[in-house]
Structures are given as structure tokens and as C-alpha cells.
Protein backbone atom coordinates (compact mmCIF):
# COMPACT_ATOMS: atom_id res chain seq x y z
CA MET A 1 50.48 79.35 -30.18
CA SER A 2 52.14 75.94 -30.26
CA SER A 3 48.82 74.05 -30.30
CA GLU A 4 47.55 76.31 -33.09
CA VAL A 5 50.59 75.45 -35.23
CA GLU A 6 50.19 71.72 -34.48
CA THR A 7 46.49 71.82 -35.40
CA ARG A 8 47.22 73.67 -38.63
CA SER A 9 50.05 71.29 -39.58
CA ARG A 10 47.83 68.24 -38.93
CA SER A 11 45.03 69.60 -41.10
CA GLU A 12 47.42 70.50 -43.93
CA ARG A 13 48.93 67.03 -44.13
CA PRO A 14 47.91 65.04 -47.18
CA SER A 15 45.51 62.22 -46.50
CA THR A 16 46.98 58.74 -46.82
CA SER A 17 43.52 57.13 -47.18
CA LEU A 18 44.36 54.66 -44.44
CA GLY A 19 41.86 55.80 -41.83
CA THR A 20 39.49 53.41 -40.17
CA ASN A 21 35.78 53.39 -40.58
CA GLY A 22 34.02 51.09 -38.14
CA GLY A 23 36.81 48.52 -38.16
CA LYS A 24 37.22 48.61 -41.94
CA THR A 25 40.08 50.34 -43.66
CA ASP A 26 39.11 53.29 -45.79
CA ARG A 27 41.56 52.66 -48.63
CA GLN A 28 40.97 53.83 -52.15
CA MET A 29 42.95 53.26 -55.30
CA LYS A 30 43.54 55.76 -58.09
CA LEU A 31 41.90 55.08 -61.43
CA THR A 32 45.27 54.85 -63.17
CA SER A 33 46.40 52.20 -60.66
CA ILE A 34 43.15 50.29 -61.12
CA SER A 35 43.51 50.24 -64.90
CA ALA A 36 47.21 49.27 -64.82
CA ILE A 37 46.67 46.44 -62.34
CA PHE A 38 43.59 45.24 -64.25
CA MET A 39 45.64 45.09 -67.46
CA LEU A 40 48.22 42.94 -65.66
CA PHE A 41 45.44 40.63 -64.46
CA TRP A 42 44.03 40.53 -68.01
CA ALA A 43 47.38 39.58 -69.56
CA PHE A 44 47.92 36.87 -66.93
CA SER A 45 44.37 35.60 -67.41
CA PHE A 46 44.83 35.44 -71.19
CA PHE A 47 47.59 32.86 -70.79
CA LEU A 48 45.52 31.09 -68.16
CA VAL A 49 42.45 30.84 -70.44
CA LEU A 50 44.32 30.14 -73.68
CA PRO A 51 44.69 26.35 -73.37
CA PHE A 52 41.02 25.77 -72.51
CA ARG A 53 38.44 24.85 -75.13
CA LEU A 54 41.06 23.91 -77.71
CA GLN A 55 40.05 21.20 -80.15
CA SER A 56 42.33 18.33 -81.02
CA ARG A 57 43.26 17.34 -84.56
CA GLU A 58 40.68 14.52 -84.44
CA ALA A 59 37.98 17.18 -84.36
CA PRO A 60 36.48 18.02 -87.74
CA GLY A 61 38.16 20.82 -89.60
CA GLU A 62 40.31 21.53 -92.59
CA TYR A 63 43.91 20.51 -92.56
CA VAL A 64 46.16 23.14 -94.09
CA PRO A 65 49.25 21.74 -95.81
CA GLY A 66 52.34 22.62 -93.80
CA GLN A 67 50.37 23.07 -90.59
CA ALA A 68 51.63 21.23 -87.52
CA GLU A 69 49.43 18.34 -86.46
CA SER A 70 49.32 19.74 -82.94
CA ALA A 71 48.00 23.12 -84.12
CA PRO A 72 44.35 23.80 -83.29
CA PRO A 73 42.10 23.79 -86.36
CA SER A 74 40.46 27.09 -85.43
CA PHE A 75 41.07 29.85 -82.92
CA SER A 76 38.55 32.48 -81.88
CA PHE A 77 40.30 35.50 -80.39
CA GLY A 78 36.96 37.11 -79.55
CA ARG A 79 35.78 34.13 -77.50
CA THR A 80 39.16 33.89 -75.74
CA ALA A 81 39.16 37.64 -75.01
CA LYS A 82 35.63 37.40 -73.57
CA TRP A 83 36.56 34.57 -71.20
CA THR A 84 39.83 36.31 -70.35
CA THR A 85 37.90 39.43 -69.36
CA VAL A 86 35.53 37.42 -67.16
CA VAL A 87 38.41 35.66 -65.38
CA ALA A 88 40.37 38.93 -65.03
CA LEU A 89 37.33 40.72 -63.56
CA VAL A 90 36.86 37.98 -60.95
CA LEU A 91 40.55 37.89 -59.99
CA PHE A 92 40.87 41.68 -59.93
CA GLY A 93 37.65 41.95 -57.91
CA LEU A 94 39.10 39.63 -55.27
CA TYR A 95 42.37 41.59 -55.31
CA TYR A 96 40.57 44.92 -54.90
CA LEU A 97 38.31 43.62 -52.12
CA ASN A 98 41.39 42.37 -50.32
CA TYR A 99 43.05 45.76 -50.84
CA VAL A 100 40.09 47.64 -49.41
CA ASN A 101 39.21 45.25 -46.56
CA GLY A 102 42.73 44.13 -45.68
CA TRP A 103 41.91 40.42 -45.44
CA ILE A 104 45.50 39.37 -46.17
CA PRO A 105 47.88 42.08 -44.99
CA VAL A 106 51.19 42.67 -46.77
CA ASP A 107 53.09 41.82 -43.58
CA SER A 108 51.83 38.23 -43.75
CA LEU A 109 53.50 37.84 -47.17
CA ASP A 110 56.98 38.74 -45.89
CA LEU A 111 58.68 35.37 -46.30
CA VAL A 112 62.23 36.61 -45.73
CA HIS A 113 61.74 37.70 -42.13
CA ALA A 114 59.34 34.85 -41.40
CA THR A 115 62.01 32.23 -42.17
CA HIS A 116 64.76 34.07 -40.28
CA PRO A 117 63.46 35.31 -36.90
CA GLY A 118 66.50 37.53 -36.38
CA GLY A 119 66.01 39.15 -39.77
CA GLN A 120 69.40 37.88 -40.95
């Protein structure tokens, strides 16, 4: 009777998606988590991409009275959004592959206990 209860309780436990499959971890991420983390990567990538491909004031273009001399003459949000999406896809792809394959485990990023061997 005891083994029957143990077997039933093991099968009724929710899966943590951390099983192994031929040496690889079998981790999956929910779609809501994927979209939220991708949006964070996109926002970070936007600020990363923003300063690239800016033209200086010496470049041809109209000068608007009252405009700062350091202001770019033209800005294309569509072009910046396209490059931001490309960079965010690459960075998120690397993040997700690391999440699934476990190349860099979370324990290796614990800098507090690594600097203090006693944990204090």
C-alpha cells in the first residue's frame, strides 16, 4: 500500500521541466516569459543601436533654426527599430540557447559567495 501511494504521489507531482535528455537539460520557457524577456532585450538593444549610423552636422541636410548643432539632421525610427530587432533577436537567441543547454549555470554567477568562501 505504501509503494502504491508513493507511485501515485510521484506521478501527480507537477513537472519542473528540468529532466535530462541525453546529457542535455529539457528546459522550456513559457510564451509569456519569452515575450517579456525579449521585450527587455529589445529595449536594451534600442539604446545600444541608437548611437550608430548617426550623421554629423557636416553631413548635408537642412539646418532648422533653434536646433542644437549636435542634433542629427535626420532620424529614421524604422531603420533603428529594424536594427534593434536584429540585435535583440541575436542576443535573445544566445540567452535562450544558454537557458536550454545550461552552458553558463546560474551558480557560476553567484559573486557574493565566490568572494567570501565562508558565505559571510
